[in-house]
């Protein structure tokens, strides 16, 4: 079985397009040097909007983190409304 994850989502409109195209997971980036990095509050607007629009059909929402502490990842996941964390670094 193939699972598709699209990373670097920065807007609700783009996230909805990805979900409608069949993405199983969406990656939201929390690495500030990246031009696609989000704040936790911006991520929450996307995650809440997706869940409201798609309900149970919402993809898994993954935070992408680089070299952060467990406590910082946990804090961002909670604020951002994320389902999972992807660790890099």
Protein backbone atom coordinates (compact mmCIF):
# COMPACT_ATOMS: atom_id res chain seq x y z
CA UNK A 1 0.00 0.00 0.00
CA UNK A 2 1.33 3.43 -0.93
CA UNK A 3 0.91 6.33 1.47
CA UNK A 4 1.36 9.88 0.19
CA UNK A 5 2.58 12.76 2.35
CA UNK A 6 2.85 16.27 0.99
CA UNK A 7 5.09 18.64 2.96
CA UNK A 8 5.46 22.38 3.06
CA UNK A 9 1.76 23.23 3.17
CA UNK A 10 1.36 26.90 4.13
CA UNK A 11 -2.31 27.72 3.58
CA UNK A 12 -5.74 26.20 4.12
CA UNK A 13 -6.52 26.44 0.41
CA UNK A 14 -3.38 24.48 -0.49
CA UNK A 15 -4.06 21.94 2.25
CA UNK A 16 -7.60 21.38 0.95
CA UNK A 17 -6.30 20.90 -2.59
CA UNK A 18 -3.76 18.35 -1.36
CA UNK A 19 -6.41 16.48 0.61
CA UNK A 20 -8.83 16.49 -2.30
CA UNK A 21 -6.05 15.14 -4.54
CA UNK A 22 -5.73 12.16 -2.21
CA UNK A 23 -2.86 12.97 0.17
CA UNK A 24 -2.89 10.69 3.21
CA UNK A 25 -0.71 13.02 5.29
CA UNK A 26 0.14 16.71 5.19
CA UNK A 27 3.40 18.09 6.55
CA UNK A 28 3.52 21.49 8.21
CA UNK A 29 7.03 22.85 8.63
CA UNK A 30 8.35 24.36 11.88
CA UNK A 31 11.95 25.03 10.81
CA UNK A 32 12.30 28.84 10.76
CA UNK A 33 15.04 29.03 8.08
CA UNK A 34 12.61 27.43 5.62
CA UNK A 35 10.44 29.76 3.52
CA UNK A 36 7.56 27.36 4.25
CA UNK A 37 7.92 27.54 8.04
CA UNK A 38 4.75 28.26 10.02
CA UNK A 39 4.03 29.58 13.48
CA UNK A 40 2.00 27.27 15.73
CA UNK A 41 -0.97 29.66 15.51
CA UNK A 42 -0.87 29.72 11.70
CA UNK A 43 -0.74 25.93 11.72
CA UNK A 44 -3.78 25.82 14.00
CA UNK A 45 -5.80 27.85 11.49
CA UNK A 46 -4.95 25.28 8.82
CA UNK A 47 -5.57 22.20 11.00
CA UNK A 48 -8.86 23.51 12.38
CA UNK A 49 -10.04 24.54 8.92
CA UNK A 50 -9.19 21.13 7.46
CA UNK A 51 -10.95 19.22 10.20
CA UNK A 52 -14.00 21.44 9.91
CA UNK A 53 -14.15 21.05 6.13
CA UNK A 54 -13.24 17.36 5.87
CA UNK A 55 -14.23 15.73 9.17
CA UNK A 56 -13.11 12.10 9.27
CA UNK A 57 -11.62 12.42 5.77
CA UNK A 58 -8.96 14.83 7.03
CA UNK A 59 -5.42 13.61 6.30
CA UNK A 60 -3.02 12.94 9.15
CA UNK A 61 -1.46 16.29 10.07
CA UNK A 62 2.28 16.04 10.71
CA UNK A 63 4.59 18.68 12.14
CA UNK A 64 8.10 18.64 10.66
CA UNK A 65 10.70 19.61 13.28
CA UNK A 66 14.47 20.12 13.10
CA UNK A 67 16.59 19.81 16.24
CA UNK A 68 13.96 20.88 18.79
CA UNK A 69 13.54 19.57 22.32
CA UNK A 70 10.76 17.14 23.14
CA UNK A 71 9.05 19.79 25.26
CA UNK A 72 9.10 22.34 22.41
CA UNK A 73 7.76 19.77 19.93
CA UNK A 74 4.99 18.85 22.37
CA UNK A 75 4.08 22.51 22.89
CA UNK A 76 3.93 23.21 19.15
CA UNK A 77 1.94 20.01 18.46
CA UNK A 78 -0.65 21.04 21.04
CA UNK A 79 -0.98 24.64 19.85
CA UNK A 80 -0.88 23.65 16.18
CA UNK A 81 -3.41 20.84 16.46
CA UNK A 82 -1.06 18.28 14.94
CA UNK A 83 -1.52 14.50 14.93
CA UNK A 84 2.14 13.50 14.69
CA UNK A 85 5.72 14.74 14.57
CA UNK A 86 8.42 14.07 12.01
CA UNK A 87 11.92 14.59 13.36
CA UNK A 88 14.89 15.74 11.32
CA UNK A 89 18.39 16.49 12.51
